[in-house]
Amino acid sequence: MATTIEKTAWGGWPNCWRITNGEVELIVTSDVGPRIMRYGFVGGQNLFKEYTDQLGKSGEPEWQLRGGHRIWLAPEHFPRTYAPDNEPVQVFVEGSTLRAVQPVEPSTGIQKEIEVTLEPSGSKVIVRHTLRNTLAWDLEFAAWALTMMAQNGHGITGFPPRGTHPEMLEPTNPLIMWAFTDLRDERYTFLEKYFVLRQDPANAKPTKLGHFNEKTWGAYLLGPDLFIKQVSAEKAKPYPDMGCSYETFTRHDMLEIETLGPVTKVAPGAAIEHIERWSLSKVAGGVPEWSDAALDNLLLPLLD
């Protein structure tokens, strides 16, 4: 079946767009954004968090959580990073690709857009984020793509290839903590090749970790559905937050899977792009145990 893109109402917003190939579907709203508000199997659960009290609304003076997938500026800074995305966006459709373009942000001079291309079969999606400097002087920033996942799942990411001592003496990657990170937190499971962060609706304490991997990826297992997003990172370039290409954050209401691009000086009129590759899979019987062997079996066939 070919990919189809049609206008529809969703979540109380009258001007949304459904992208589907009959197997999976995405919802992009043009009443606010740019935001991808849904990704899931047709007829199945939304892997993305929905803040139901904020759906269908627009025009708020301050930035809103809402849920779904968004693009931000890194490093995180208030108020620059938190520029509201509460106004309508323009949508352009060409074949199997939808592009949602935000008006220029008055507070930053940046124009953001998210482009979504769904393969005609299967679940693979290319999500291209573009951040354009409309000001008359250089700006320095990085692209930061954040996906808010629904409750009660497990976020998973992988380290660069491991090795042995004394054969490998050089460090391979940073593991970055925030002031509110507590490595004793029982929501974390640390393995040799992976670490897992469990979303717990009963635990309101925020926690966050970041790391760098040239083959950056994050996954989220929610019931039988496994979401994966992947990014290619460049080791020779500077990355935000002490060198993070990947960050993950959770508290009681959601878990975020975040990828970052390099910090770049962007000339007037120029833009940077950040490309994620998404997929969805069914996992029969879940994960038997949180071990390197079990995650190898689950993830290695699905990663690029």
Protein backbone atom coordinates (compact mmCIF):
# COMPACT_ATOMS: atom_id res chain seq x y z
CA MET A 1 0.00 0.00 0.00
CA ALA A 2 1.28 3.48 -0.84
CA THR A 3 1.66 6.25 1.70
CA THR A 4 -1.33 8.58 1.94
CA ILE A 5 -1.53 11.99 3.60
CA GLU A 6 -4.92 13.45 4.40
CA LYS A 7 -6.29 16.29 6.48
CA THR A 8 -8.23 15.26 9.57
CA ALA A 9 -9.35 16.41 13.01
CA TRP A 10 -7.49 14.96 15.99
CA GLY A 11 -7.32 15.71 19.70
CA GLY A 12 -9.65 18.67 19.42
CA TRP A 13 -7.57 20.36 16.69
CA PRO A 14 -9.49 20.65 13.39
CA ASN A 15 -6.41 21.05 11.19
CA CYS A 16 -4.28 17.93 11.58
CA TRP A 17 -2.71 15.64 9.01
CA ARG A 18 -2.68 11.83 9.08
CA ILE A 19 0.21 10.10 7.35
CA THR A 20 -0.26 6.35 6.90
CA ASN A 21 0.70 3.38 4.75
CA GLY A 22 -1.93 1.11 6.25
CA GLU A 23 0.50 -0.37 8.77
CA VAL A 24 1.58 2.62 10.88
CA GLU A 25 0.31 6.17 11.14
CA LEU A 26 1.52 9.58 12.27
CA ILE A 27 -0.47 12.67 13.19
CA VAL A 28 0.98 16.14 12.61
CA THR A 29 -1.06 19.11 13.77
CA SER A 30 -0.94 22.43 11.91
CA ASP A 31 -2.89 24.33 14.58
CA VAL A 32 0.30 24.55 16.68
CA GLY A 33 3.83 23.32 16.28
CA PRO A 34 5.59 21.97 14.46
CA ARG A 35 4.64 18.87 16.44
CA ILE A 36 4.24 15.18 15.61
CA MET A 37 1.54 14.15 18.07
CA ARG A 38 1.08 10.46 17.27
CA TYR A 39 3.12 7.52 16.00
CA GLY A 40 1.75 4.03 16.29
CA PHE A 41 0.41 1.00 14.49
CA VAL A 42 -2.91 1.59 12.76
CA GLY A 43 -5.60 0.85 15.35
CA GLY A 44 -2.97 0.58 18.10
CA GLN A 45 -1.70 2.67 20.98
CA ASN A 46 0.02 6.01 20.62
CA LEU A 47 3.64 5.57 21.71
CA PHE A 48 3.82 9.31 22.34
CA LYS A 49 2.66 11.08 25.47
CA GLU A 50 -0.58 13.08 25.21
CA TYR A 51 -1.37 15.81 27.76
CA THR A 52 -5.11 15.61 27.24
CA ASP A 53 -5.83 18.91 29.03
CA GLN A 54 -3.62 20.73 26.51
CA LEU A 55 -4.82 19.05 23.30
CA GLY A 56 -7.00 21.11 20.98
CA LYS A 57 -5.77 24.39 22.45
CA SER A 58 -3.59 27.11 20.95
CA GLY A 59 -2.44 30.69 21.38
CA GLU A 60 -1.11 30.39 24.94
CA PRO A 61 1.54 33.01 25.80
CA GLU A 62 3.90 30.43 27.35
CA TRP A 63 5.39 27.18 26.02
CA GLN A 64 3.19 24.11 26.57
CA LEU A 65 4.20 20.48 27.11
CA ARG A 66 1.30 19.03 25.02
CA GLY A 67 3.22 15.79 24.30
CA GLY A 68 4.45 14.31 21.05
CA HIS A 69 7.69 15.15 19.25
CA ARG A 70 9.22 18.61 18.90
CA ILE A 71 12.44 20.42 17.95
CA TRP A 72 14.28 22.74 20.34
CA LEU A 73 17.50 24.77 20.51
CA ALA A 74 20.40 23.47 22.61
CA PRO A 75 22.10 24.09 24.96
CA GLU A 76 19.03 24.47 27.17
CA HIS A 77 18.49 28.07 28.18
CA PHE A 78 15.49 29.93 29.48
CA PRO A 79 13.84 31.73 27.77
CA ARG A 80 15.52 30.99 24.40
CA THR A 81 14.91 27.24 24.37
CA TYR A 82 11.33 27.63 25.61
CA ALA A 83 10.03 29.83 22.79
CA PRO A 84 6.29 29.04 22.48
CA ASP A 85 5.12 26.89 19.57
CA ASN A 86 1.43 27.66 20.08
CA GLU A 87 0.59 29.28 16.73
CA PRO A 88 -0.50 27.68 13.43
CA VAL A 89 2.14 26.32 11.06
CA GLN A 90 2.12 25.99 7.28
CA VAL A 91 1.89 22.47 5.88
CA PHE A 92 3.22 21.41 2.49
CA VAL A 93 2.53 17.94 1.08
CA GLU A 94 4.51 16.36 -1.74
CA GLY A 95 4.05 12.65 -2.40
CA SER A 96 4.84 10.70 0.78
CA THR A 97 6.42 13.73 2.48
CA LEU A 98 4.78 16.32 4.74
CA ARG A 99 6.59 19.48 5.81
CA ALA A 100 5.36 21.63 8.72
CA VAL A 101 6.92 25.11 8.83
CA GLN A 102 6.65 27.39 11.83
CA PRO A 103 6.55 31.20 11.55
CA VAL A 104 9.79 32.86 12.63
CA GLU A 105 10.02 32.86 16.43
CA PRO A 106 9.97 36.53 17.51
CA SER A 107 12.11 35.84 20.58
CA THR A 108 14.89 33.89 18.79
CA GLY A 109 14.82 34.79 15.10
CA ILE A 110 14.78 31.06 14.29
CA GLN A 111 12.34 29.42 11.90
CA LYS A 112 11.75 25.73 12.68
CA GLU A 113 10.37 23.04 10.43
CA ILE A 114 9.82 19.30 10.67
CA GLU A 115 9.61 17.15 7.54
CA VAL A 116 8.14 13.64 7.75
CA THR A 117 8.56 10.95 5.09
CA LEU A 118 6.91 7.55 5.62
CA GLU A 119 7.97 4.52 3.58
CA PRO A 120 5.17 2.97 1.46
CA SER A 121 5.32 -0.22 3.55
CA GLY A 122 6.67 -1.13 6.95
CA SER A 123 7.22 1.40 9.72
CA LYS A 124 10.31 3.37 8.69
CA VAL A 125 10.08 7.16 8.87
CA ILE A 126 12.64 9.84 8.08
CA VAL A 127 12.17 12.92 10.28
CA ARG A 128 14.16 15.92 9.06
CA HIS A 129 14.43 18.94 11.37
CA THR A 130 15.52 22.30 9.95
CA LEU A 131 16.45 25.37 12.00
CA ARG A 132 17.00 28.56 9.99
CA ASN A 133 18.64 31.76 11.22
CA THR A 134 16.59 34.71 9.92
CA LEU A 135 18.57 37.37 11.77
CA ALA A 136 21.28 39.63 10.33
CA TRP A 137 24.06 38.16 12.50
CA ASP A 138 25.52 34.75 13.30
CA LEU A 139 23.85 32.53 15.88
CA GLU A 140 25.42 29.52 17.59
CA PHE A 141 23.22 26.62 18.63
CA ALA A 142 22.49 22.92 18.15
CA ALA A 143 19.40 21.04 17.06
CA TRP A 144 17.68 19.12 19.87
CA ALA A 145 14.94 16.64 18.91
CA LEU A 146 12.80 15.54 21.85
CA THR A 147 10.23 12.76 21.83
CA MET A 148 7.89 12.49 24.81
CA MET A 149 6.89 8.88 25.36
CA ALA A 150 3.74 7.58 27.03
CA GLN A 151 3.82 6.26 30.59
CA ASN A 152 4.76 2.78 31.84
CA GLY A 153 7.45 1.89 29.32
CA HIS A 154 11.22 1.43 29.32
CA GLY A 155 13.70 3.73 27.59
CA ILE A 156 16.81 1.97 26.26
CA THR A 157 20.03 3.21 24.71
CA GLY A 158 23.39 1.70 23.86
CA PHE A 159 27.01 2.65 24.43
CA PRO A 160 29.72 2.60 21.75
CA PRO A 161 31.38 -0.82 21.28
CA ARG A 162 32.96 -2.12 24.48
CA GLY A 163 36.50 -3.47 24.78
CA THR A 164 39.00 -4.91 27.22
CA HIS A 165 41.84 -3.67 29.39
CA PRO A 166 44.75 -3.20 28.69
CA GLU A 167 44.04 -3.49 24.96
CA MET A 168 41.85 -0.34 24.99
CA LEU A 169 43.27 2.37 27.24
CA GLU A 170 41.58 5.44 25.76
CA PRO A 171 38.10 6.51 26.95
CA THR A 172 35.33 5.81 24.47
CA ASN A 173 32.44 8.07 25.54
CA PRO A 174 31.20 10.46 28.23
CA LEU A 175 28.35 9.65 30.60
CA ILE A 176 26.86 13.00 31.59
CA MET A 177 24.96 13.73 34.80
CA TRP A 178 22.75 16.64 35.83
CA ALA A 179 22.55 18.10 39.33
CA PHE A 180 19.34 16.13 39.93
CA THR A 181 20.74 12.82 38.60
CA ASP A 182 21.00 10.09 41.25
CA LEU A 183 22.67 6.90 40.03
CA ARG A 184 21.09 5.01 42.95
CA ASP A 185 17.68 5.61 41.35
CA GLU A 186 15.99 2.22 40.97
CA ARG A 187 14.54 3.25 37.62
CA TYR A 188 18.00 2.78 36.08
CA THR A 189 19.43 -0.55 34.97
CA PHE A 190 23.09 -0.37 33.91
CA LEU A 191 24.51 -3.14 31.74
CA GLU A 192 27.80 -3.55 29.90
CA LYS A 193 26.44 -2.47 26.50
CA TYR A 194 23.20 -0.68 27.43
CA PHE A 195 21.40 1.30 30.04
CA VAL A 196 17.65 1.20 30.67
CA LEU A 197 15.46 3.87 32.25
CA ARG A 198 12.02 2.81 33.46
CA GLN A 199 9.10 5.23 33.38
CA ASP A 200 7.27 5.06 36.70
CA PRO A 201 4.01 7.01 37.15
CA ALA A 202 4.43 6.69 40.93
CA ASN A 203 7.84 8.41 40.98
CA ALA A 204 7.70 12.18 40.44
CA LYS A 205 11.42 12.78 40.98
CA PRO A 206 13.09 13.97 37.75
CA THR A 207 16.24 12.22 36.57
CA LYS A 208 18.38 12.62 33.46
CA LEU A 209 21.49 11.12 31.85
CA GLY A 210 23.31 11.80 28.60
CA HIS A 211 26.10 10.23 26.57
CA PHE A 212 27.78 10.30 23.16
CA ASN A 213 27.72 7.59 20.51
CA GLU A 214 28.61 8.09 16.84
CA LYS A 215 25.75 5.69 16.09
CA THR A 216 23.27 7.36 18.42
CA TRP A 217 20.00 5.59 19.09
CA GLY A 218 17.23 5.43 21.65
CA ALA A 219 14.39 2.94 22.02
CA TYR A 220 11.18 2.77 24.03
CA LEU A 221 9.38 -0.47 24.82
CA LEU A 222 5.73 0.04 25.73
CA GLY A 223 3.84 -3.22 26.05
CA PRO A 224 4.33 -5.12 22.78
CA ASP A 225 5.44 -2.05 20.79
CA LEU A 226 9.07 -0.99 20.34
CA PHE A 227 9.94 2.49 19.06
CA ILE A 228 13.48 3.21 17.86
CA LYS A 229 15.03 6.43 16.64
CA GLN A 230 18.56 6.70 15.27
CA VAL A 231 20.96 9.53 14.41
CA SER A 232 24.47 9.71 13.00
CA ALA A 233 26.75 11.82 15.22
CA GLU A 234 30.13 13.36 14.35
CA LYS A 235 32.86 12.75 16.91
CA ALA A 236 35.11 15.56 15.66
CA LYS A 237 32.49 18.26 16.30
CA PRO A 238 31.46 19.89 19.60
CA TYR A 239 28.18 18.71 21.12
CA PRO A 240 26.04 20.38 23.81
CA ASP A 241 25.99 19.51 27.50
CA MET A 242 29.62 18.32 27.83
CA GLY A 243 29.40 16.30 24.64
CA CYS A 244 25.95 14.66 24.44
CA SER A 245 24.45 13.25 21.26
CA TYR A 246 21.75 11.49 23.32
CA GLU A 247 19.86 12.38 26.49
CA THR A 248 17.00 10.78 28.36
CA PHE A 249 14.78 12.28 31.05
CA THR A 250 11.89 10.97 33.08
CA ARG A 251 9.50 11.84 35.88
CA HIS A 252 6.01 10.63 36.82
CA ASP A 253 4.17 11.79 33.68
CA MET A 254 6.43 10.80 30.76
CA LEU A 255 9.86 9.77 29.54
CA GLU A 256 11.81 11.71 26.92
CA ILE A 257 14.16 10.27 24.31
CA GLU A 258 16.31 13.09 22.98
CA THR A 259 18.95 13.34 20.25
CA LEU A 260 21.22 16.32 19.65
CA GLY A 261 23.27 17.67 16.78
CA PRO A 262 26.62 19.48 16.96
CA VAL A 263 26.88 23.08 18.15
CA THR A 264 27.14 25.12 14.95
CA LYS A 265 27.67 28.77 14.08
CA VAL A 266 24.81 29.53 11.69
CA ALA A 267 25.21 32.50 9.35
CA PRO A 268 22.33 34.86 8.50
CA GLY A 269 19.88 33.09 6.18
CA ALA A 270 21.59 29.71 6.68
CA ALA A 271 20.12 26.62 8.33
CA ILE A 272 21.15 23.41 10.04
CA GLU A 273 19.48 20.01 9.62
CA HIS A 274 19.10 17.15 12.06
CA ILE A 275 17.81 13.84 10.68
CA GLU A 276 16.30 11.04 12.75
CA ARG A 277 15.34 7.60 11.42
CA TRP A 278 12.31 6.08 13.17
CA SER A 279 10.84 2.59 13.23
CA LEU A 280 8.20 0.58 15.10
CA SER A 281 8.27 -3.15 15.78
CA LYS A 282 6.16 -5.71 17.60
CA VAL A 283 7.85 -7.60 20.42
CA ALA A 284 6.18 -10.90 21.15
CA GLY A 285 6.28 -11.73 24.85
CA GLY A 286 8.29 -8.64 25.82
CA VAL A 287 11.88 -8.79 27.06
CA PRO A 288 12.60 -11.94 29.12
CA GLU A 289 15.19 -10.10 31.25
CA TRP A 290 17.16 -6.88 31.24
CA SER A 291 20.46 -8.36 30.12
CA ASP A 292 22.96 -7.65 27.37
CA ALA A 293 22.12 -10.94 25.67
CA ALA A 294 18.37 -10.30 25.70
CA LEU A 295 18.78 -6.75 24.39
CA ASP A 296 21.23 -7.93 21.72
CA ASN A 297 18.57 -10.36 20.48
CA LEU A 298 15.89 -7.69 20.57
CA LEU A 299 17.74 -4.68 19.15
CA LEU A 300 20.66 -5.68 16.95
CA PRO A 301 18.44 -6.90 14.07
CA LEU A 302 16.60 -3.54 14.14
CA LEU A 303 19.50 -1.07 14.34
CA ASP A 304 21.30 0.28 11.30
